[in-house]
Structure formats: structure tokens, C-alpha cells
Protein backbone atom coordinates (compact mmCIF):
# COMPACT_ATOMS: atom_id res chain seq x y z
CA MET A 1 14.87 15.72 -18.32
CA VAL A 2 19.27 15.79 -17.52
CA GLY A 3 19.13 16.21 -13.26
CA GLN A 4 15.81 14.72 -12.99
CA ASP A 5 15.93 12.52 -9.68
CA TRP A 6 13.26 9.81 -11.23
CA SER A 7 13.12 8.07 -7.31
CA ARG A 8 11.49 11.19 -5.86
CA LEU A 9 8.78 12.50 -7.59
CA PRO A 10 5.81 14.54 -5.83
CA ASP A 11 3.50 11.82 -4.31
CA GLN A 12 0.26 13.03 -5.52
CA SER A 13 -1.89 10.26 -3.07
CA ARG A 14 -0.68 13.01 -0.03
CA ARG A 15 -2.12 15.70 -1.20
CA SER A 16 -5.49 14.57 -1.50
CA GLY A 17 -5.55 12.71 1.92
CA VAL A 18 -5.72 9.43 0.41
CA GLU A 19 -2.80 6.72 1.09
CA HIS A 20 -1.78 3.98 -1.48
CA VAL A 21 -1.14 1.30 1.47
CA LEU A 22 0.29 -2.43 1.55
CA VAL A 23 -0.91 -4.61 4.30
CA SER A 24 0.95 -7.39 5.08
CA VAL A 25 -0.87 -10.03 7.11
CA ALA A 26 1.00 -12.39 9.52
CA ASP A 27 1.78 -15.76 8.50
CA GLU A 28 -0.65 -17.48 11.16
CA ALA A 29 -3.48 -15.46 9.74
CA LEU A 30 -2.95 -16.57 6.09
CA ALA A 31 -5.83 -19.32 6.31
CA GLU A 32 -8.31 -16.57 7.34
CA MET A 33 -6.98 -14.54 5.10
CA SER A 34 -10.57 -13.55 3.52
CA ALA A 35 -11.69 -12.64 7.12
CA VAL A 36 -8.55 -10.08 7.33
CA VAL A 37 -9.55 -8.60 4.03
CA ASP A 38 -13.10 -7.90 5.29
CA ALA A 39 -11.86 -6.51 8.75
CA LEU A 40 -9.44 -4.50 6.74
CA ARG A 41 -12.29 -3.28 4.74
CA ARG A 42 -14.37 -2.41 7.72
CA ALA A 43 -11.77 0.06 8.84
CA GLY A 44 -11.77 1.94 5.92
CA LEU A 45 -9.65 0.62 3.39
CA ALA A 46 -10.48 0.49 -0.22
CA VAL A 47 -8.87 -2.97 -1.33
CA THR A 48 -7.29 -2.41 -4.88
CA GLU A 49 -5.60 -6.08 -4.75
CA VAL A 50 -5.50 -9.23 -2.55
CA LEU A 51 -2.49 -11.49 -2.99
CA PRO A 52 -2.88 -14.19 -0.68
CA SER A 53 0.32 -16.45 -1.50
CA VAL A 54 2.77 -14.05 -0.06
CA GLY A 55 -0.08 -12.82 2.65
CA VAL A 56 -0.14 -9.16 0.94
CA VAL A 57 -3.17 -6.95 0.61
CA THR A 58 -3.03 -3.39 -1.16
CA GLY A 59 -5.67 -0.53 -0.99
CA THR A 60 -6.58 3.14 -0.53
CA VAL A 61 -6.90 4.53 2.64
CA ASP A 62 -7.69 7.97 4.16
CA SER A 63 -5.21 9.40 5.87
CA ASP A 64 -6.74 10.34 9.14
CA THR A 65 -8.05 5.98 8.87
CA MET A 66 -4.75 4.57 8.10
CA PRO A 67 -3.47 3.67 11.93
CA SER A 68 -6.30 2.27 12.63
CA LEU A 69 -5.60 -0.59 10.12
CA SER A 70 -2.59 -2.20 12.20
CA ALA A 71 -5.38 -2.82 15.07
CA VAL A 72 -6.91 -5.40 12.91
CA PRO A 73 -6.68 -8.96 13.90
CA GLY A 74 -4.13 -10.48 11.74
CA VAL A 75 -2.48 -7.44 10.51
CA LEU A 76 1.21 -7.85 10.74
CA ALA A 77 2.24 -3.98 9.18
CA VAL A 78 1.01 -1.28 7.32
CA GLU A 79 3.19 0.64 5.23
CA PRO A 80 2.83 3.52 2.59
CA ASP A 81 3.17 2.53 -0.80
CA ARG A 82 6.22 3.78 -2.17
CA GLY A 83 5.99 3.94 -6.10
CA ILE A 84 8.59 3.72 -8.61
CA GLN A 85 9.14 5.34 -11.60
CA LEU A 86 11.48 4.68 -13.95
CA PRO A 87 13.03 7.28 -16.82
CA PRO A 88 12.14 6.49 -19.88
CA PRO A 89 14.33 3.88 -21.82
CA ASP A 90 16.11 6.64 -24.36
CA SER A 91 16.82 8.92 -21.26
CA PRO A 92 20.68 9.36 -20.93
CA VAL A 93 20.09 8.40 -16.58
CA GLN A 94 19.82 5.03 -15.95
């Protein structure tokens, strides 16, 4: 589609009340990553992936529960996962 702004496609998760999030774990908590992940699960995060080498946990959480993830010990930040969609290779927009 000519003129399509590929960086601003509708976020499907917002309509359903579920947020896809990235959770950054503090450097000092990396040694206890499994305990942090367990605590995030108890706080409502459905864990999708754990990336211990970079201190990131991804997952989904109910929009109303998202703020409580920041209170988990060892969590540095909780951010919405902003999906990026590139145009098809044959698109005139590059």
C-alpha cells in the first residue's frame, strides 16, 4: 500500500486488555534471575521468553496488572513491547 505508515499499525493487544511487555532486570538481580521470573509470574506475567544474558523477560500481562510488575524485587523497568512491522520487500516504501 502506497502511503501506508508501517510503523503505526494498530496494536491488537490494547483492544483485548492484554499488554505485551519487556521487563528489564537490574544487574544486581541477574544472579537470581529465576527467582525474579517466578515473582513476575506470581504478579501476573505470562512469561514468553527469558533472556538471562541481557537481563530481559518478555511476556503478556493484563493491562490493569502491568503496574504491579514494577514492584517485583529486582525489576528495573517494565515497558510495552512495541512491535515493528516492515513493509514487504517489493513495497515502494523502503
